Amino acid sequence: MKRTALTLFALALLAAGCGSQAAVQSSGTPGASRQSTQVVSLASTTTPARCTVSHLSLRLGAAGHAAGSTYRPIIFTNKGTTSCALRGYPGVSYVAPSSGAQVGAAASRSAGVTVRTITLAAGAHASALLQLVNYTDYPASSCGARSVSGLRVYPPGSKAAAYVAFAHTMKACSSNVNQLSVRPVVKGRTGQ
């Protein structure tokens, strides 16, 4: 009987360690020397797959301006038929018009912002607020201004990027000055 109790306890710990809720059920007659043990799942928690470029369409939201910077949300829309999840910061950089080469440093991550997992149902939106510092705020000698046509955006955790075009060509620093800063993804279209 002690052996059966220890076996049941061990199976319960194993099931708890696997992250699922489980009940341990014994079958057999009372007092029998040998009992069979079975683990029955009570609930399964399924986390949606990470959103990739193939699941998403990306665009820039409306611009806001403050103290030499423009703020624009990068809007991620789930264009698939099943839910997917985003968590963390997207990778963002300026892109040259004809070559598609990166211009300047990639966006830094805004500190002090809580990171959450955002589940996107089909057709739902998430966004990350991007700060674009005006290139004229930097000395010409440390900026090296060049034309840019849009942004290369990697969804959080992704190794594939999407291109998000600007309405017209702009200028950005080609040096490593901190001209872009991005927040983690949040629900909705505002980035806040």
C-alpha atoms as a PDB file:
ATOM      1  CA  MET A   1       0.000   0.000   0.000  1.00  0.00           C
ATOM      2  CA  LYS A   2       2.923   2.363   0.823  1.00  0.00           C
ATOM      3  CA  ARG A   3       4.417   1.658  -2.607  1.00  0.00           C
ATOM      4  CA  THR A   4       1.130   2.587  -4.347  1.00  0.00           C
ATOM      5  CA  ALA A   5       0.883   5.830  -2.351  1.00  0.00           C
ATOM      6  CA  LEU A   6       4.473   6.750  -3.255  1.00  0.00           C
ATOM      7  CA  THR A   7       3.841   5.927  -6.923  1.00  0.00           C
ATOM      8  CA  LEU A   8       0.733   8.114  -6.942  1.00  0.00           C
ATOM      9  CA  PHE A   9       2.622  10.949  -5.244  1.00  0.00           C
ATOM     10  CA  ALA A  10       5.501  10.684  -7.751  1.00  0.00           C
ATOM     11  CA  LEU A  11       3.095  10.738 -10.711  1.00  0.00           C
ATOM     12  CA  ALA A  12       1.308  13.776  -9.281  1.00  0.00           C
ATOM     13  CA  LEU A  13       4.647  15.613  -8.938  1.00  0.00           C
ATOM     14  CA  LEU A  14       5.641  14.623 -12.469  1.00  0.00           C
ATOM     15  CA  ALA A  15       2.350  15.881 -13.877  1.00  0.00           C
ATOM     16  CA  ALA A  16       2.653  19.152 -11.947  1.00  0.00           C
ATOM     17  CA  GLY A  17       6.218  19.607 -13.201  1.00  0.00           C
ATOM     18  CA  CYS A  18       5.062  19.291 -16.801  1.00  0.00           C
ATOM     19  CA  GLY A  19       2.887  22.371 -16.393  1.00  0.00           C
ATOM     20  CA  SER A  20      -0.495  20.716 -16.871  1.00  0.00           C
ATOM     21  CA  GLN A  21      -3.149  20.045 -14.325  1.00  0.00           C
ATOM     22  CA  ALA A  22      -3.697  16.348 -13.847  1.00  0.00           C
ATOM     23  CA  ALA A  23      -5.556  13.985 -11.584  1.00  0.00           C
ATOM     24  CA  VAL A  24      -4.139  10.685 -10.523  1.00  0.00           C
ATOM     25  CA  GLN A  25      -6.660   7.880 -10.670  1.00  0.00           C
ATOM     26  CA  SER A  26      -6.227   4.369  -9.281  1.00  0.00           C
ATOM     27  CA  SER A  27      -8.090   1.329 -10.417  1.00  0.00           C
ATOM     28  CA  GLY A  28      -8.258  -2.005  -8.699  1.00  0.00           C
ATOM     29  CA  THR A  29      -9.863  -3.516  -5.691  1.00  0.00           C
ATOM     30  CA  PRO A  30      -9.095  -2.356  -2.158  1.00  0.00           C
ATOM     31  CA  GLY A  31      -6.364  -4.424  -0.546  1.00  0.00           C
ATOM     32  CA  ALA A  32      -5.100  -5.823  -3.855  1.00  0.00           C
ATOM     33  CA  SER A  33      -1.331  -6.147  -3.952  1.00  0.00           C
ATOM     34  CA  ARG A  34      -1.014  -4.639  -7.398  1.00  0.00           C
ATOM     35  CA  GLN A  35      -2.917  -1.582  -8.671  1.00  0.00           C
ATOM     36  CA  SER A  36      -2.667   0.149 -12.031  1.00  0.00           C
ATOM     37  CA  THR A  37      -2.145   3.888 -12.092  1.00  0.00           C
ATOM     38  CA  GLN A  38      -3.345   6.265 -14.798  1.00  0.00           C
ATOM     39  CA  VAL A  39      -2.798  10.021 -15.254  1.00  0.00           C
ATOM     40  CA  VAL A  40      -5.864  11.814 -16.603  1.00  0.00           C
ATOM     41  CA  SER A  41      -5.517  15.349 -17.980  1.00  0.00           C
ATOM     42  CA  LEU A  42      -8.066  17.788 -16.555  1.00  0.00           C
ATOM     43  CA  ALA A  43      -7.148  20.829 -18.640  1.00  0.00           C
ATOM     44  CA  SER A  44      -4.734  21.624 -21.392  1.00  0.00           C
ATOM     45  CA  THR A  45      -3.341  25.083 -21.928  1.00  0.00           C
ATOM     46  CA  THR A  46      -2.343  25.845 -25.462  1.00  0.00           C
ATOM     47  CA  THR A  47      -0.212  28.878 -26.188  1.00  0.00           C
ATOM     48  CA  PRO A  48      -0.623  30.212 -29.726  1.00  0.00           C
ATOM     49  CA  ALA A  49       2.400  30.058 -31.997  1.00  0.00           C
ATOM     50  CA  ARG A  50       4.630  33.122 -32.237  1.00  0.00           C
ATOM     51  CA  CYS A  51       3.513  35.556 -34.942  1.00  0.00           C
ATOM     52  CA  THR A  52       5.872  35.622 -37.908  1.00  0.00           C
ATOM     53  CA  VAL A  53       6.055  37.873 -40.952  1.00  0.00           C
ATOM     54  CA  SER A  54       3.880  35.391 -42.853  1.00  0.00           C
ATOM     55  CA  HIS A  55       1.083  35.861 -40.254  1.00  0.00           C
ATOM     56  CA  LEU A  56       1.263  39.651 -40.197  1.00  0.00           C
ATOM     57  CA  SER A  57       0.735  42.792 -42.195  1.00  0.00           C
ATOM     58  CA  LEU A  58       2.615  45.854 -40.937  1.00  0.00           C
ATOM     59  CA  ARG A  59       2.043  49.573 -41.361  1.00  0.00           C
ATOM     60  CA  LEU A  60       2.782  52.859 -39.615  1.00  0.00           C
ATOM     61  CA  GLY A  61       0.047  54.610 -37.660  1.00  0.00           C
ATOM     62  CA  ALA A  62      -0.600  58.340 -37.371  1.00  0.00           C
ATOM     63  CA  ALA A  63       2.361  60.555 -36.471  1.00  0.00           C
ATOM     64  CA  GLY A  64       2.645  62.631 -33.323  1.00  0.00           C
ATOM     65  CA  HIS A  65       5.361  65.257 -32.810  1.00  0.00           C
ATOM     66  CA  ALA A  66       7.206  66.463 -29.714  1.00  0.00           C
ATOM     67  CA  ALA A  67      10.550  68.198 -29.057  1.00  0.00           C
ATOM     68  CA  GLY A  68      12.481  67.260 -32.208  1.00  0.00           C
ATOM     69  CA  SER A  69      10.984  63.778 -32.529  1.00  0.00           C
ATOM     70  CA  THR A  70       8.177  62.062 -34.371  1.00  0.00           C
ATOM     71  CA  TYR A  71       6.294  59.234 -32.669  1.00  0.00           C
ATOM     72  CA  ARG A  72       4.587  56.595 -34.810  1.00  0.00           C
ATOM     73  CA  PRO A  73       3.087  53.270 -33.850  1.00  0.00           C
ATOM     74  CA  ILE A  74       4.158  50.273 -35.903  1.00  0.00           C
ATOM     75  CA  ILE A  75       0.886  48.356 -36.295  1.00  0.00           C
ATOM     76  CA  PHE A  76       0.931  44.558 -36.562  1.00  0.00           C
ATOM     77  CA  THR A  77      -2.277  42.966 -37.900  1.00  0.00           C
ATOM     78  CA  ASN A  78      -2.862  39.216 -37.838  1.00  0.00           C
ATOM     79  CA  LYS A  79      -3.802  38.420 -41.433  1.00  0.00           C
ATOM     80  CA  GLY A  80      -3.969  34.669 -40.732  1.00  0.00           C
ATOM     81  CA  THR A  81      -6.947  32.516 -39.793  1.00  0.00           C
ATOM     82  CA  THR A  82      -5.648  31.404 -36.381  1.00  0.00           C
ATOM     83  CA  SER A  83      -4.375  33.235 -33.312  1.00  0.00           C
ATOM     84  CA  CYS A  84      -0.682  33.981 -32.859  1.00  0.00           C
ATOM     85  CA  ALA A  85       1.321  35.721 -30.126  1.00  0.00           C
ATOM     86  CA  LEU A  86       3.783  38.621 -29.937  1.00  0.00           C
ATOM     87  CA  ARG A  87       6.020  39.366 -26.940  1.00  0.00           C
ATOM     88  CA  GLY A  88       8.778  41.910 -26.574  1.00  0.00           C
ATOM     89  CA  TYR A  89      10.423  44.482 -28.780  1.00  0.00           C
ATOM     90  CA  PRO A  90      10.474  44.516 -32.570  1.00  0.00           C
ATOM     91  CA  GLY A  91      13.788  45.093 -34.335  1.00  0.00           C
ATOM     92  CA  VAL A  92      13.651  48.326 -36.338  1.00  0.00           C
ATOM     93  CA  SER A  93      16.083  50.151 -38.618  1.00  0.00           C
ATOM     94  CA  TYR A  94      16.046  52.682 -41.450  1.00  0.00           C
ATOM     95  CA  VAL A  95      16.414  51.401 -45.013  1.00  0.00           C
ATOM     96  CA  ALA A  96      18.124  53.053 -48.013  1.00  0.00           C
ATOM     97  CA  PRO A  97      15.858  53.693 -51.042  1.00  0.00           C
ATOM     98  CA  SER A  98      17.419  51.650 -53.802  1.00  0.00           C
ATOM     99  CA  SER A  99      19.709  49.146 -52.102  1.00  0.00           C
ATOM    100  CA  GLY A 100      17.564  48.178 -49.118  1.00  0.00           C
ATOM    101  CA  ALA A 101      20.680  48.459 -46.946  1.00  0.00           C
ATOM    102  CA  GLN A 102      20.364  49.482 -43.311  1.00  0.00           C
ATOM    103  CA  VAL A 103      21.064  53.146 -42.636  1.00  0.00           C
ATOM    104  CA  GLY A 104      22.393  54.081 -39.190  1.00  0.00           C
ATOM    105  CA  ALA A 105      21.983  52.220 -35.932  1.00  0.00           C
ATOM    106  CA  ALA A 106      19.047  49.923 -35.204  1.00  0.00           C
ATOM    107  CA  ALA A 107      16.431  51.184 -32.755  1.00  0.00           C
ATOM    108  CA  SER A 108      17.289  51.054 -29.072  1.00  0.00           C
ATOM    109  CA  ARG A 109      14.786  49.596 -26.616  1.00  0.00           C
ATOM    110  CA  SER A 110      12.886  51.997 -24.363  1.00  0.00           C
ATOM    111  CA  ALA A 111      13.583  51.122 -20.736  1.00  0.00           C
ATOM    112  CA  GLY A 112      11.054  50.922 -17.934  1.00  0.00           C
ATOM    113  CA  VAL A 113       8.199  49.532 -20.026  1.00  0.00           C
ATOM    114  CA  THR A 114       6.458  46.290 -19.010  1.00  0.00           C
ATOM    115  CA  VAL A 115       6.733  43.468 -21.544  1.00  0.00           C
ATOM    116  CA  ARG A 116       3.593  41.343 -21.978  1.00  0.00           C
ATOM    117  CA  THR A 117       2.526  38.525 -24.273  1.00  0.00           C
ATOM    118  CA  ILE A 118      -0.080  39.796 -26.717  1.00  0.00           C
ATOM    119  CA  THR A 119      -2.333  37.183 -28.321  1.00  0.00           C
ATOM    120  CA  LEU A 120      -3.667  38.298 -31.685  1.00  0.00           C
ATOM    121  CA  ALA A 121      -6.845  36.646 -32.934  1.00  0.00           C
ATOM    122  CA  ALA A 122      -7.359  36.642 -36.709  1.00  0.00           C
ATOM    123  CA  GLY A 123      -7.776  40.280 -37.791  1.00  0.00           C
ATOM    124  CA  ALA A 124      -6.642  41.713 -34.414  1.00  0.00           C
ATOM    125  CA  HIS A 125      -4.003  44.430 -33.956  1.00  0.00           C
ATOM    126  CA  ALA A 126      -0.976  45.055 -31.750  1.00  0.00           C
ATOM    127  CA  SER A 127       1.503  47.911 -31.971  1.00  0.00           C
ATOM    128  CA  ALA A 128       4.860  49.196 -30.790  1.00  0.00           C
ATOM    129  CA  LEU A 129       5.523  52.922 -30.418  1.00  0.00           C
ATOM    130  CA  LEU A 130       8.559  54.128 -32.360  1.00  0.00           C
ATOM    131  CA  GLN A 131      10.391  57.399 -31.665  1.00  0.00           C
ATOM    132  CA  LEU A 132      12.195  58.886 -34.699  1.00  0.00           C
ATOM    133  CA  VAL A 133      14.549  61.719 -33.712  1.00  0.00           C
ATOM    134  CA  ASN A 134      14.943  64.437 -36.367  1.00  0.00           C
ATOM    135  CA  TYR A 135      18.359  64.099 -38.018  1.00  0.00           C
ATOM    136  CA  THR A 136      18.891  67.878 -37.755  1.00  0.00           C
ATOM    137  CA  ASP A 137      19.116  67.478 -33.948  1.00  0.00           C
ATOM    138  CA  TYR A 138      22.600  65.969 -34.458  1.00  0.00           C
ATOM    139  CA  PRO A 139      25.723  67.846 -35.633  1.00  0.00           C
ATOM    140  CA  ALA A 140      26.276  67.231 -39.355  1.00  0.00           C
ATOM    141  CA  SER A 141      29.750  65.885 -38.614  1.00  0.00           C
ATOM    142  CA  SER A 142      28.391  63.106 -36.370  1.00  0.00           C
ATOM    143  CA  CYS A 143      25.238  62.405 -38.374  1.00  0.00           C
ATOM    144  CA  GLY A 144      26.178  61.848 -42.010  1.00  0.00           C
ATOM    145  CA  ALA A 145      22.604  62.325 -43.252  1.00  0.00           C
ATOM    146  CA  ARG A 146      21.372  60.020 -46.027  1.00  0.00           C
ATOM    147  CA  SER A 147      18.053  59.370 -47.721  1.00  0.00           C
ATOM    148  CA  VAL A 148      15.810  56.636 -46.314  1.00  0.00           C
ATOM    149  CA  SER A 149      12.645  55.200 -47.849  1.00  0.00           C
ATOM    150  CA  GLY A 150      11.209  53.203 -44.977  1.00  0.00           C
ATOM    151  CA  LEU A 151      11.863  50.802 -42.127  1.00  0.00           C
ATOM    152  CA  ARG A 152      12.971  47.202 -41.826  1.00  0.00           C
ATOM    153  CA  VAL A 153      10.879  45.675 -39.026  1.00  0.00           C
ATOM    154  CA  TYR A 154      11.464  42.294 -37.382  1.00  0.00           C
ATOM    155  CA  PRO A 155       8.468  41.161 -35.329  1.00  0.00           C
ATOM    156  CA  PRO A 156       9.584  40.257 -31.773  1.00  0.00           C
ATOM    157  CA  GLY A 157      11.559  37.001 -31.785  1.00  0.00           C
ATOM    158  CA  SER A 158      11.575  36.746 -35.582  1.00  0.00           C
ATOM    159  CA  LYS A 159      14.544  36.318 -37.918  1.00  0.00           C
ATOM    160  CA  ALA A 160      12.561  37.476 -40.953  1.00  0.00           C
ATOM    161  CA  ALA A 161      11.687  41.129 -41.514  1.00  0.00           C
ATOM    162  CA  ALA A 162       9.043  43.144 -43.304  1.00  0.00           C
ATOM    163  CA  TYR A 163       9.588  46.408 -45.156  1.00  0.00           C
ATOM    164  CA  VAL A 164       7.374  49.340 -44.139  1.00  0.00           C
ATOM    165  CA  ALA A 165       7.577  52.192 -46.651  1.00  0.00           C
ATOM    166  CA  PHE A 166       7.321  55.892 -45.837  1.00  0.00           C
ATOM    167  CA  ALA A 167       4.904  58.031 -47.868  1.00  0.00           C
ATOM    168  CA  HIS A 168       7.958  59.956 -49.159  1.00  0.00           C
ATOM    169  CA  THR A 169      11.745  59.713 -48.862  1.00  0.00           C
ATOM    170  CA  MET A 170      13.215  61.224 -45.676  1.00  0.00           C
ATOM    171  CA  LYS A 171      16.682  61.866 -44.219  1.00  0.00           C
ATOM    172  CA  ALA A 172      18.302  59.979 -41.339  1.00  0.00           C
ATOM    173  CA  CYS A 173      21.760  59.751 -39.810  1.00  0.00           C
ATOM    174  CA  SER A 174      24.002  57.066 -41.264  1.00  0.00           C
ATOM    175  CA  SER A 175      26.151  56.964 -38.101  1.00  0.00           C
ATOM    176  CA  ASN A 176      25.544  55.130 -34.839  1.00  0.00           C
ATOM    177  CA  VAL A 177      23.710  57.979 -33.092  1.00  0.00           C
ATOM    178  CA  ASN A 178      20.608  56.918 -31.154  1.00  0.00           C
ATOM    179  CA  GLN A 179      17.996  58.214 -33.598  1.00  0.00           C
ATOM    180  CA  LEU A 180      15.395  55.421 -33.193  1.00  0.00           C
ATOM    181  CA  SER A 181      13.854  54.069 -30.006  1.00  0.00           C
ATOM    182  CA  VAL A 182      11.081  51.468 -29.771  1.00  0.00           C
ATOM    183  CA  ARG A 183       8.747  50.230 -27.051  1.00  0.00           C
ATOM    184  CA  PRO A 184       7.498  46.627 -26.667  1.00  0.00           C
ATOM    185  CA  VAL A 185       4.293  45.520 -28.392  1.00  0.00           C
ATOM    186  CA  VAL A 186       0.961  46.241 -26.719  1.00  0.00           C
ATOM    187  CA  LYS A 187      -2.661  45.599 -27.666  1.00  0.00           C
ATOM    188  CA  GLY A 188      -4.346  47.961 -30.082  1.00  0.00           C
ATOM    189  CA  ARG A 189      -3.117  50.440 -32.686  1.00  0.00           C
ATOM    190  CA  THR A 190      -1.655  53.323 -30.663  1.00  0.00           C
ATOM    191  CA  GLY A 191       1.519  51.740 -29.246  1.00  0.00           C
ATOM    192  CA  GLN A 192       0.493  52.916 -25.759  1.00  0.00           C
END
